C-alpha atoms as a PDB file:
ATOM      1  CA  MET A   1     132.545 151.774 106.133  1.00  0.00           C
ATOM      2  CA  PHE A   2     130.315 148.880 105.133  1.00  0.00           C
ATOM      3  CA  SER A   3     130.446 145.480 106.868  1.00  0.00           C
ATOM      4  CA  HIS A   4     129.277 142.252 105.262  1.00  0.00           C
ATOM      5  CA  ILE A   5     129.078 139.455 107.825  1.00  0.00           C
ATOM      6  CA  VAL A   6     128.224 135.957 106.654  1.00  0.00           C
ATOM      7  CA  ILE A   7     127.475 133.013 108.939  1.00  0.00           C
ATOM      8  CA  PHE A   8     127.748 129.504 107.464  1.00  0.00           C
ATOM      9  CA  TRP A   9     126.294 126.149 108.476  1.00  0.00           C
ATOM     10  CA  THR A  10     128.151 123.308 106.768  1.00  0.00           C
ATOM     11  CA  LYS A  11     126.665 120.067 105.491  1.00  0.00           C
ATOM     12  CA  PRO A  12     127.130 117.358 108.139  1.00  0.00           C
ATOM     13  CA  GLY A  13     127.938 114.661 105.560  1.00  0.00           C
ATOM     14  CA  VAL A  14     130.818 116.545 103.930  1.00  0.00           C
ATOM     15  CA  GLU A  15     134.173 115.532 105.355  1.00  0.00           C
ATOM     16  CA  ASP A  16     136.328 118.484 106.435  1.00  0.00           C
ATOM     17  CA  ALA A  17     133.632 120.936 105.252  1.00  0.00           C
ATOM     18  CA  GLU A  18     134.737 123.717 107.621  1.00  0.00           C
ATOM     19  CA  GLN A  19     138.312 123.665 106.373  1.00  0.00           C
ATOM     20  CA  GLN A  20     137.219 123.407 102.726  1.00  0.00           C
ATOM     21  CA  LEU A  21     135.077 126.499 103.238  1.00  0.00           C
ATOM     22  CA  ILE A  22     137.864 128.469 104.935  1.00  0.00           C
ATOM     23  CA  ASP A  23     140.412 127.422 102.296  1.00  0.00           C
ATOM     24  CA  GLY A  24     137.974 128.436  99.550  1.00  0.00           C
ATOM     25  CA  MET A  25     137.427 131.855 101.108  1.00  0.00           C
ATOM     26  CA  ASN A  26     141.163 132.429 101.334  1.00  0.00           C
ATOM     27  CA  LYS A  27     141.652 131.264  97.747  1.00  0.00           C
ATOM     28  CA  TYR A  28     138.812 133.111  96.010  1.00  0.00           C
ATOM     29  CA  LEU A  29     137.837 136.137  98.085  1.00  0.00           C
ATOM     30  CA  THR A  30     140.969 137.819  99.466  1.00  0.00           C
ATOM     31  CA  ASN A  31     142.056 139.709  96.339  1.00  0.00           C
ATOM     32  CA  ILE A  32     138.744 141.054  95.090  1.00  0.00           C
ATOM     33  CA  PRO A  33     138.982 144.803  94.370  1.00  0.00           C
ATOM     34  CA  GLY A  34     137.220 147.064  96.857  1.00  0.00           C
ATOM     35  CA  LEU A  35     137.698 144.696  99.781  1.00  0.00           C
ATOM     36  CA  ILE A  36     139.381 146.477 102.704  1.00  0.00           C
ATOM     37  CA  SER A  37     139.642 143.555 105.104  1.00  0.00           C
ATOM     38  CA  ILE A  38     138.660 139.930 105.476  1.00  0.00           C
ATOM     39  CA  HIS A  39     138.444 137.877 108.658  1.00  0.00           C
ATOM     40  CA  VAL A  40     137.497 134.196 108.500  1.00  0.00           C
ATOM     41  CA  GLY A  41     137.156 131.827 111.430  1.00  0.00           C
ATOM     42  CA  LYS A  42     135.417 128.902 113.040  1.00  0.00           C
ATOM     43  CA  CYS A  43     132.709 129.401 115.664  1.00  0.00           C
ATOM     44  CA  ALA A  44     134.375 130.320 118.964  1.00  0.00           C
ATOM     45  CA  PRO A  45     133.199 128.414 122.039  1.00  0.00           C
ATOM     46  CA  SER A  46     131.392 130.453 124.678  1.00  0.00           C
ATOM     47  CA  ASP A  47     129.514 129.866 127.940  1.00  0.00           C
ATOM     48  CA  ARG A  48     127.418 132.998 127.361  1.00  0.00           C
ATOM     49  CA  PRO A  49     123.801 132.131 126.505  1.00  0.00           C
ATOM     50  CA  VAL A  50     123.505 135.100 124.108  1.00  0.00           C
ATOM     51  CA  VAL A  51     126.239 133.710 121.832  1.00  0.00           C
ATOM     52  CA  ASP A  52     124.937 131.644 118.897  1.00  0.00           C
ATOM     53  CA  GLN A  53     127.014 128.505 118.601  1.00  0.00           C
ATOM     54  CA  THR A  54     124.960 126.625 116.027  1.00  0.00           C
ATOM     55  CA  TYR A  55     127.072 127.638 113.018  1.00  0.00           C
ATOM     56  CA  GLN A  56     130.509 126.421 111.931  1.00  0.00           C
ATOM     57  CA  VAL A  57     132.251 129.290 110.073  1.00  0.00           C
ATOM     58  CA  GLY A  58     131.990 133.075 110.071  1.00  0.00           C
ATOM     59  CA  LEU A  59     133.194 135.596 107.506  1.00  0.00           C
ATOM     60  CA  ASN A  60     133.577 139.317 108.151  1.00  0.00           C
ATOM     61  CA  LEU A  61     134.317 141.565 105.157  1.00  0.00           C
ATOM     62  CA  THR A  62     134.679 145.336 105.179  1.00  0.00           C
ATOM     63  CA  PHE A  63     134.329 147.720 102.257  1.00  0.00           C
ATOM     64  CA  LYS A  64     134.502 151.484 101.828  1.00  0.00           C
ATOM     65  CA  ASN A  65     130.789 151.585 100.993  1.00  0.00           C
ATOM     66  CA  LYS A  66     127.802 149.519  99.868  1.00  0.00           C
ATOM     67  CA  ILE A  67     128.603 150.154  96.205  1.00  0.00           C
ATOM     68  CA  ASP A  68     131.936 148.322  96.608  1.00  0.00           C
ATOM     69  CA  GLN A  69     130.149 145.458  98.364  1.00  0.00           C
ATOM     70  CA  ASP A  70     127.572 145.256  95.565  1.00  0.00           C
ATOM     71  CA  THR A  71     130.407 145.089  93.017  1.00  0.00           C
ATOM     72  CA  TYR A  72     132.078 142.338  95.069  1.00  0.00           C
ATOM     73  CA  GLN A  73     128.878 140.249  94.886  1.00  0.00           C
ATOM     74  CA  GLU A  74     129.120 140.134  91.087  1.00  0.00           C
ATOM     75  CA  HIS A  75     132.896 139.673  90.842  1.00  0.00           C
ATOM     76  CA  PRO A  76     133.853 136.456  88.985  1.00  0.00           C
ATOM     77  CA  GLN A  77     135.979 135.192  91.910  1.00  0.00           C
ATOM     78  CA  HIS A  78     133.023 135.554  94.316  1.00  0.00           C
ATOM     79  CA  VAL A  79     130.710 133.820  91.845  1.00  0.00           C
ATOM     80  CA  GLU A  80     133.269 131.022  91.429  1.00  0.00           C
ATOM     81  CA  PHE A  81     133.552 130.641  95.229  1.00  0.00           C
ATOM     82  CA  VAL A  82     129.774 130.306  95.523  1.00  0.00           C
ATOM     83  CA  GLU A  83     129.619 127.674  92.773  1.00  0.00           C
ATOM     84  CA  LYS A  84     132.741 125.629  93.567  1.00  0.00           C
ATOM     85  CA  VAL A  85     132.878 125.818  97.347  1.00  0.00           C
ATOM     86  CA  PHE A  86     129.820 127.260  99.077  1.00  0.00           C
ATOM     87  CA  LYS A  87     127.209 125.165  97.259  1.00  0.00           C
ATOM     88  CA  GLN A  88     129.270 122.014  97.800  1.00  0.00           C
ATOM     89  CA  VAL A  89     129.812 122.302 101.560  1.00  0.00           C
ATOM     90  CA  CYS A  90     127.046 124.488 103.038  1.00  0.00           C
ATOM     91  CA  ASP A  91     123.454 123.831 104.080  1.00  0.00           C
ATOM     92  CA  ARG A  92     122.553 127.320 105.212  1.00  0.00           C
ATOM     93  CA  VAL A  93     123.848 130.871 105.300  1.00  0.00           C
ATOM     94  CA  ILE A  94     122.725 134.102 106.910  1.00  0.00           C
ATOM     95  CA  VAL A  95     124.043 137.573 106.128  1.00  0.00           C
ATOM     96  CA  TYR A  96     124.253 140.689 108.273  1.00  0.00           C
ATOM     97  CA  ASP A  97     125.077 143.904 106.389  1.00  0.00           C
ATOM     98  CA  PHE A  98     125.499 147.260 108.039  1.00  0.00           C
ATOM     99  CA  GLY A  99     127.219 150.522 107.281  1.00  0.00           C
ATOM    100  CA  ASP A 100     127.581 154.199 107.931  1.00  0.00           C
ATOM    101  CA  MET A 101     124.590 156.305 107.014  1.00  0.00           C
ATOM    102  CA  GLU A 102     125.364 158.304 103.880  1.00  0.00           C
END
């Protein structure tokens, strides 16, 4: 398994940026070949000090392996999402990738 976790900070001046981002993910990313699962959501509130609550939206994608994830990065639907949605509504992003040792 290979996990691709992306944390998004939206632009404060963009109205409904969180929902635009989530809708864009559901529109562009869900049917890309090689993707096993997708989970999208808004930052969950927590009283625990170890929980980062500075971001607005999280994305968790799983693939069979890193090769499938690399292919996903170049897929036209992912590229279109980045251009039409991500760049319009986000200020910052951070990615956490991890997988089984092969």
